[in-house]
Amino acid sequence: MEQEDPRTRILDAAEELFYGQGVQAVGMDAVRAASGMTLRRVYQHFPSKNDLVEAYLQRRDGRWRASLAVHVARTGGTPREQLLSVFDWLGRWFAEPGFRGCAFVNSFGELGATTPAVAAAARHHKEEFAGYLAGLVEAVGAPPETAVHLTLLAEGAITAAAIHGDPGAAADAKEAARLLLDAALAART
């Protein structure tokens, strides 16, 4: 059996620790222990903790957005059904064991004021998500500003689910999205 790439092992360990406990609460020695690597090996791949945090956020962004896009594509159906399926995907994510909200908001809250790369990663993630929703809104034929409103609904659902520990926030946001879409489309005619 081929052994996992050391960089991947380090990132896997960092992601579990950073997301589960917070970036500032986790030291490089904890990442070393969780990855089974030597501290020297960890620093060979990531010369600083900031480098590791940036890599963690970049990888998480790509995986998160890809998972969402695959879900929406598999939904099939009308553009409206695909758009609303975003909230179904969010609900599944909220119900996962260990869900702690948005890793980007969490990291931004901890380090955004002092670490420009973390702030940039958080902004990039949020902009990409908003852009993805804008593409779905365009396919539905709703006015472009509807994407801004739906993005706020989704972001609010993420925060509410994290704070209250209730995955039902996604279903509530989906119902609000349905109403918003109906109103936006009716106003267009």
C-alpha atoms as a PDB file:
ATOM      1  CA  MET A   1       0.000   0.000   0.000  1.00  0.00           C
ATOM      2  CA  GLU A   2       1.335   3.379  -1.019  1.00  0.00           C
ATOM      3  CA  GLN A   3       1.868   5.809   1.833  1.00  0.00           C
ATOM      4  CA  GLU A   4       0.027   9.116   1.708  1.00  0.00           C
ATOM      5  CA  ASP A   5       1.935  12.189   0.564  1.00  0.00           C
ATOM      6  CA  PRO A   6       3.489  13.985   3.592  1.00  0.00           C
ATOM      7  CA  ARG A   7       2.087  17.368   2.537  1.00  0.00           C
ATOM      8  CA  THR A   8      -1.409  15.860   2.336  1.00  0.00           C
ATOM      9  CA  ARG A   9      -1.029  14.235   5.757  1.00  0.00           C
ATOM     10  CA  ILE A  10       0.032  17.547   7.252  1.00  0.00           C
ATOM     11  CA  LEU A  11      -2.850  19.419   5.596  1.00  0.00           C
ATOM     12  CA  ASP A  12      -5.353  16.764   6.681  1.00  0.00           C
ATOM     13  CA  ALA A  13      -4.167  17.057  10.271  1.00  0.00           C
ATOM     14  CA  ALA A  14      -4.133  20.864  10.141  1.00  0.00           C
ATOM     15  CA  GLU A  15      -7.636  21.012   8.680  1.00  0.00           C
ATOM     16  CA  GLU A  16      -9.093  18.774  11.347  1.00  0.00           C
ATOM     17  CA  LEU A  17      -7.360  20.696  14.131  1.00  0.00           C
ATOM     18  CA  PHE A  18      -7.831  24.235  12.789  1.00  0.00           C
ATOM     19  CA  TYR A  19     -11.486  23.711  11.928  1.00  0.00           C
ATOM     20  CA  GLY A  20     -12.260  21.794  15.101  1.00  0.00           C
ATOM     21  CA  GLN A  21     -10.355  23.894  17.626  1.00  0.00           C
ATOM     22  CA  GLY A  22      -9.523  27.179  15.951  1.00  0.00           C
ATOM     23  CA  VAL A  23      -6.356  28.328  14.255  1.00  0.00           C
ATOM     24  CA  GLN A  24      -4.878  30.193  17.205  1.00  0.00           C
ATOM     25  CA  ALA A  25      -5.520  27.331  19.643  1.00  0.00           C
ATOM     26  CA  VAL A  26      -3.467  24.888  17.562  1.00  0.00           C
ATOM     27  CA  GLY A  27       0.308  24.975  17.545  1.00  0.00           C
ATOM     28  CA  MET A  28       2.636  23.449  15.012  1.00  0.00           C
ATOM     29  CA  ASP A  29       3.539  20.726  17.489  1.00  0.00           C
ATOM     30  CA  ALA A  30      -0.091  19.588  17.590  1.00  0.00           C
ATOM     31  CA  VAL A  31      -0.106  19.434  13.787  1.00  0.00           C
ATOM     32  CA  ARG A  32       3.119  17.441  13.933  1.00  0.00           C
ATOM     33  CA  ALA A  33       1.651  14.955  16.382  1.00  0.00           C
ATOM     34  CA  ALA A  34      -1.635  14.571  14.496  1.00  0.00           C
ATOM     35  CA  SER A  35       0.119  14.112  11.150  1.00  0.00           C
ATOM     36  CA  GLY A  36       2.689  11.647  12.485  1.00  0.00           C
ATOM     37  CA  MET A  37       5.466  13.736  10.951  1.00  0.00           C
ATOM     38  CA  THR A  38       8.527  15.248  12.534  1.00  0.00           C
ATOM     39  CA  LEU A  39       8.418  18.958  13.261  1.00  0.00           C
ATOM     40  CA  ARG A  40      11.309  19.378  10.832  1.00  0.00           C
ATOM     41  CA  ARG A  41       9.256  17.688   8.094  1.00  0.00           C
ATOM     42  CA  VAL A  42       6.253  19.910   8.836  1.00  0.00           C
ATOM     43  CA  TYR A  43       8.427  23.029   8.502  1.00  0.00           C
ATOM     44  CA  GLN A  44      10.007  21.694   5.286  1.00  0.00           C
ATOM     45  CA  HIS A  45       6.574  21.746   3.703  1.00  0.00           C
ATOM     46  CA  PHE A  46       5.249  24.822   5.509  1.00  0.00           C
ATOM     47  CA  PRO A  47       8.000  27.211   6.673  1.00  0.00           C
ATOM     48  CA  SER A  48       5.586  29.046   8.972  1.00  0.00           C
ATOM     49  CA  LYS A  49       2.219  28.524  10.586  1.00  0.00           C
ATOM     50  CA  ASN A  50       0.832  31.277   8.362  1.00  0.00           C
ATOM     51  CA  ASP A  51       1.926  29.272   5.303  1.00  0.00           C
ATOM     52  CA  LEU A  52       0.091  26.250   6.680  1.00  0.00           C
ATOM     53  CA  VAL A  53      -3.049  28.273   7.444  1.00  0.00           C
ATOM     54  CA  GLU A  54      -3.031  29.737   3.914  1.00  0.00           C
ATOM     55  CA  ALA A  55      -2.646  26.282   2.357  1.00  0.00           C
ATOM     56  CA  TYR A  56      -5.416  24.901   4.575  1.00  0.00           C
ATOM     57  CA  LEU A  57      -7.804  27.658   3.511  1.00  0.00           C
ATOM     58  CA  GLN A  58      -6.932  27.362  -0.183  1.00  0.00           C
ATOM     59  CA  ARG A  59      -7.491  23.626  -0.172  1.00  0.00           C
ATOM     60  CA  ARG A  60     -10.703  23.899   1.828  1.00  0.00           C
ATOM     61  CA  ASP A  61     -12.034  26.537  -0.550  1.00  0.00           C
ATOM     62  CA  GLY A  62     -11.472  24.350  -3.584  1.00  0.00           C
ATOM     63  CA  ARG A  63     -12.958  21.248  -2.004  1.00  0.00           C
ATOM     64  CA  TRP A  64     -15.967  23.089  -0.539  1.00  0.00           C
ATOM     65  CA  ARG A  65     -16.888  24.794  -3.798  1.00  0.00           C
ATOM     66  CA  ALA A  66     -16.312  21.637  -5.861  1.00  0.00           C
ATOM     67  CA  SER A  67     -18.532  19.602  -3.548  1.00  0.00           C
ATOM     68  CA  LEU A  68     -21.302  22.175  -3.859  1.00  0.00           C
ATOM     69  CA  ALA A  69     -21.010  22.321  -7.656  1.00  0.00           C
ATOM     70  CA  VAL A  70     -21.123  18.517  -7.951  1.00  0.00           C
ATOM     71  CA  HIS A  71     -24.240  18.405  -5.781  1.00  0.00           C
ATOM     72  CA  VAL A  72     -25.998  21.072  -7.833  1.00  0.00           C
ATOM     73  CA  ALA A  73     -25.034  19.406 -11.122  1.00  0.00           C
ATOM     74  CA  ARG A  74     -26.323  16.039  -9.914  1.00  0.00           C
ATOM     75  CA  THR A  75     -29.604  17.628  -8.901  1.00  0.00           C
ATOM     76  CA  GLY A  76     -30.533  18.086 -12.529  1.00  0.00           C
ATOM     77  CA  GLY A  77     -33.971  19.541 -13.041  1.00  0.00           C
ATOM     78  CA  THR A  78     -34.725  23.133 -13.803  1.00  0.00           C
ATOM     79  CA  PRO A  79     -32.327  25.990 -13.109  1.00  0.00           C
ATOM     80  CA  ARG A  80     -34.644  26.981 -10.242  1.00  0.00           C
ATOM     81  CA  GLU A  81     -34.416  23.485  -8.703  1.00  0.00           C
ATOM     82  CA  GLN A  82     -30.650  23.581  -9.062  1.00  0.00           C
ATOM     83  CA  LEU A  83     -30.454  26.964  -7.371  1.00  0.00           C
ATOM     84  CA  LEU A  84     -32.642  25.856  -4.482  1.00  0.00           C
ATOM     85  CA  SER A  85     -30.590  22.660  -4.122  1.00  0.00           C
ATOM     86  CA  VAL A  86     -27.760  24.835  -2.803  1.00  0.00           C
ATOM     87  CA  PHE A  87     -29.744  25.049   0.433  1.00  0.00           C
ATOM     88  CA  ASP A  88     -30.186  21.253   0.521  1.00  0.00           C
ATOM     89  CA  TRP A  89     -26.412  20.907   0.243  1.00  0.00           C
ATOM     90  CA  LEU A  90     -25.952  23.429   3.029  1.00  0.00           C
ATOM     91  CA  GLY A  91     -28.364  21.433   5.205  1.00  0.00           C
ATOM     92  CA  ARG A  92     -26.326  18.261   4.721  1.00  0.00           C
ATOM     93  CA  TRP A  93     -23.148  20.148   5.579  1.00  0.00           C
ATOM     94  CA  PHE A  94     -24.742  21.646   8.698  1.00  0.00           C
ATOM     95  CA  ALA A  95     -25.739  18.157   9.865  1.00  0.00           C
ATOM     96  CA  GLU A  96     -22.210  16.743   9.567  1.00  0.00           C
ATOM     97  CA  PRO A  97     -20.560  15.757  12.849  1.00  0.00           C
ATOM     98  CA  GLY A  98     -18.163  18.469  13.938  1.00  0.00           C
ATOM     99  CA  PHE A  99     -19.810  21.243  11.897  1.00  0.00           C
ATOM    100  CA  ARG A 100     -18.433  24.532  13.250  1.00  0.00           C
ATOM    101  CA  GLY A 101     -19.668  27.016  10.696  1.00  0.00           C
ATOM    102  CA  CYS A 102     -17.636  28.617   7.979  1.00  0.00           C
ATOM    103  CA  ALA A 103     -13.901  27.981   8.230  1.00  0.00           C
ATOM    104  CA  PHE A 104     -13.265  31.262   6.430  1.00  0.00           C
ATOM    105  CA  VAL A 105     -15.366  33.364   8.767  1.00  0.00           C
ATOM    106  CA  ASN A 106     -13.824  31.574  11.737  1.00  0.00           C
ATOM    107  CA  SER A 107     -10.278  32.148  10.461  1.00  0.00           C
ATOM    108  CA  PHE A 108     -11.055  35.732   9.505  1.00  0.00           C
ATOM    109  CA  GLY A 109     -12.415  36.357  12.990  1.00  0.00           C
ATOM    110  CA  GLU A 110      -9.259  34.979  14.556  1.00  0.00           C
ATOM    111  CA  LEU A 111      -6.610  36.346  12.205  1.00  0.00           C
ATOM    112  CA  GLY A 112      -8.121  38.618   9.556  1.00  0.00           C
ATOM    113  CA  ALA A 113      -7.059  41.861  11.195  1.00  0.00           C
ATOM    114  CA  THR A 114      -3.440  40.774  11.567  1.00  0.00           C
ATOM    115  CA  THR A 115      -2.901  38.369   8.680  1.00  0.00           C
ATOM    116  CA  PRO A 116      -3.682  39.852   5.263  1.00  0.00           C
ATOM    117  CA  ALA A 117      -3.416  36.456   3.550  1.00  0.00           C
ATOM    118  CA  VAL A 118      -6.182  35.035   5.760  1.00  0.00           C
ATOM    119  CA  ALA A 119      -8.373  38.064   5.047  1.00  0.00           C
ATOM    120  CA  ALA A 120      -7.706  37.647   1.322  1.00  0.00           C
ATOM    121  CA  ALA A 121      -8.526  33.918   1.435  1.00  0.00           C
ATOM    122  CA  ALA A 122     -11.802  34.611   3.237  1.00  0.00           C
ATOM    123  CA  ARG A 123     -12.768  37.340   0.777  1.00  0.00           C
ATOM    124  CA  HIS A 124     -11.865  35.132  -2.173  1.00  0.00           C
ATOM    125  CA  HIS A 125     -14.006  32.278  -0.860  1.00  0.00           C
ATOM    126  CA  LYS A 126     -16.996  34.538  -0.254  1.00  0.00           C
ATOM    127  CA  GLU A 127     -16.635  36.237  -3.651  1.00  0.00           C
ATOM    128  CA  GLU A 128     -16.427  32.889  -5.443  1.00  0.00           C
ATOM    129  CA  PHE A 129     -19.510  31.594  -3.630  1.00  0.00           C
ATOM    130  CA  ALA A 130     -21.431  34.778  -4.471  1.00  0.00           C
ATOM    131  CA  GLY A 131     -20.301  34.493  -8.092  1.00  0.00           C
ATOM    132  CA  TYR A 132     -21.447  30.886  -8.245  1.00  0.00           C
ATOM    133  CA  LEU A 133     -24.872  31.868  -6.931  1.00  0.00           C
ATOM    134  CA  ALA A 134     -24.980  34.731  -9.445  1.00  0.00           C
ATOM    135  CA  GLY A 135     -24.490  32.237 -12.260  1.00  0.00           C
ATOM    136  CA  LEU A 136     -27.342  30.114 -10.954  1.00  0.00           C
ATOM    137  CA  VAL A 137     -29.572  33.173 -10.609  1.00  0.00           C
ATOM    138  CA  GLU A 138     -28.773  34.193 -14.179  1.00  0.00           C
ATOM    139  CA  ALA A 139     -29.757  30.710 -15.405  1.00  0.00           C
ATOM    140  CA  VAL A 140     -33.103  31.085 -13.601  1.00  0.00           C
ATOM    141  CA  GLY A 141     -33.702  34.438 -15.286  1.00  0.00           C
ATOM    142  CA  ALA A 142     -34.047  36.428 -12.081  1.00  0.00           C
ATOM    143  CA  PRO A 143     -32.632  39.948 -11.749  1.00  0.00           C
ATOM    144  CA  PRO A 144     -28.914  40.022 -10.878  1.00  0.00           C
ATOM    145  CA  GLU A 145     -29.498  41.627  -7.466  1.00  0.00           C
ATOM    146  CA  THR A 146     -31.344  38.453  -6.469  1.00  0.00           C
ATOM    147  CA  ALA A 147     -27.939  36.780  -6.199  1.00  0.00           C
ATOM    148  CA  VAL A 148     -26.890  39.266  -3.529  1.00  0.00           C
ATOM    149  CA  HIS A 149     -30.047  38.530  -1.558  1.00  0.00           C
ATOM    150  CA  LEU A 150     -29.638  34.758  -1.870  1.00  0.00           C
ATOM    151  CA  THR A 151     -25.984  35.011  -0.851  1.00  0.00           C
ATOM    152  CA  LEU A 152     -27.024  36.850   2.303  1.00  0.00           C
ATOM    153  CA  LEU A 153     -29.627  34.140   3.004  1.00  0.00           C
ATOM    154  CA  ALA A 154     -27.052  31.381   2.603  1.00  0.00           C
ATOM    155  CA  GLU A 155     -24.442  33.183   4.709  1.00  0.00           C
ATOM    156  CA  GLY A 156     -27.019  33.854   7.401  1.00  0.00           C
ATOM    157  CA  ALA A 157     -28.034  30.197   7.405  1.00  0.00           C
ATOM    158  CA  ILE A 158     -24.394  29.143   7.819  1.00  0.00           C
ATOM    159  CA  THR A 159     -23.985  31.447  10.795  1.00  0.00           C
ATOM    160  CA  ALA A 160     -27.308  30.495  12.379  1.00  0.00           C
ATOM    161  CA  ALA A 161     -26.577  26.771  11.997  1.00  0.00           C
ATOM    162  CA  ALA A 162     -23.164  27.193  13.608  1.00  0.00           C
ATOM    163  CA  ILE A 163     -24.343  29.315  16.515  1.00  0.00           C
ATOM    164  CA  HIS A 164     -27.542  27.435  17.271  1.00  0.00           C
ATOM    165  CA  GLY A 165     -26.366  23.976  16.253  1.00  0.00           C
ATOM    166  CA  ASP A 166     -29.497  23.591  14.149  1.00  0.00           C
ATOM    167  CA  PRO A 167     -29.207  22.281  10.588  1.00  0.00           C
ATOM    168  CA  GLY A 168     -32.823  23.388  10.072  1.00  0.00           C
ATOM    169  CA  ALA A 169     -31.504  26.857   9.246  1.00  0.00           C
ATOM    170  CA  ALA A 170     -30.891  25.573   5.707  1.00  0.00           C
ATOM    171  CA  ALA A 171     -34.541  24.568   5.235  1.00  0.00           C
ATOM    172  CA  ASP A 172     -35.693  27.937   6.580  1.00  0.00           C
ATOM    173  CA  ALA A 173     -33.316  29.745   4.226  1.00  0.00           C
ATOM    174  CA  LYS A 174     -34.488  27.565   1.317  1.00  0.00           C
ATOM    175  CA  GLU A 175     -38.096  28.578   1.967  1.00  0.00           C
ATOM    176  CA  ALA A 176     -37.065  32.242   2.108  1.00  0.00           C
ATOM    177  CA  ALA A 177     -35.112  31.762  -1.137  1.00  0.00           C
ATOM    178  CA  ARG A 178     -38.196  30.264  -2.776  1.00  0.00           C
ATOM    179  CA  LEU A 179     -40.264  33.303  -1.775  1.00  0.00           C
ATOM    180  CA  LEU A 180     -37.561  35.701  -2.871  1.00  0.00           C
ATOM    181  CA  LEU A 181     -37.214  34.004  -6.260  1.00  0.00           C
ATOM    182  CA  ASP A 182     -40.985  34.064  -6.800  1.00  0.00           C
ATOM    183  CA  ALA A 183     -41.119  37.774  -5.991  1.00  0.00           C
ATOM    184  CA  ALA A 184     -38.079  38.590  -8.157  1.00  0.00           C
ATOM    185  CA  LEU A 185     -39.445  36.674 -11.132  1.00  0.00           C
ATOM    186  CA  ALA A 186     -42.949  38.140 -10.713  1.00  0.00           C
ATOM    187  CA  ALA A 187     -41.499  41.659 -10.650  1.00  0.00           C
ATOM    188  CA  ARG A 188     -39.739  40.961 -13.945  1.00  0.00           C
ATOM    189  CA  THR A 189     -42.967  40.208 -15.810  1.00  0.00           C
END
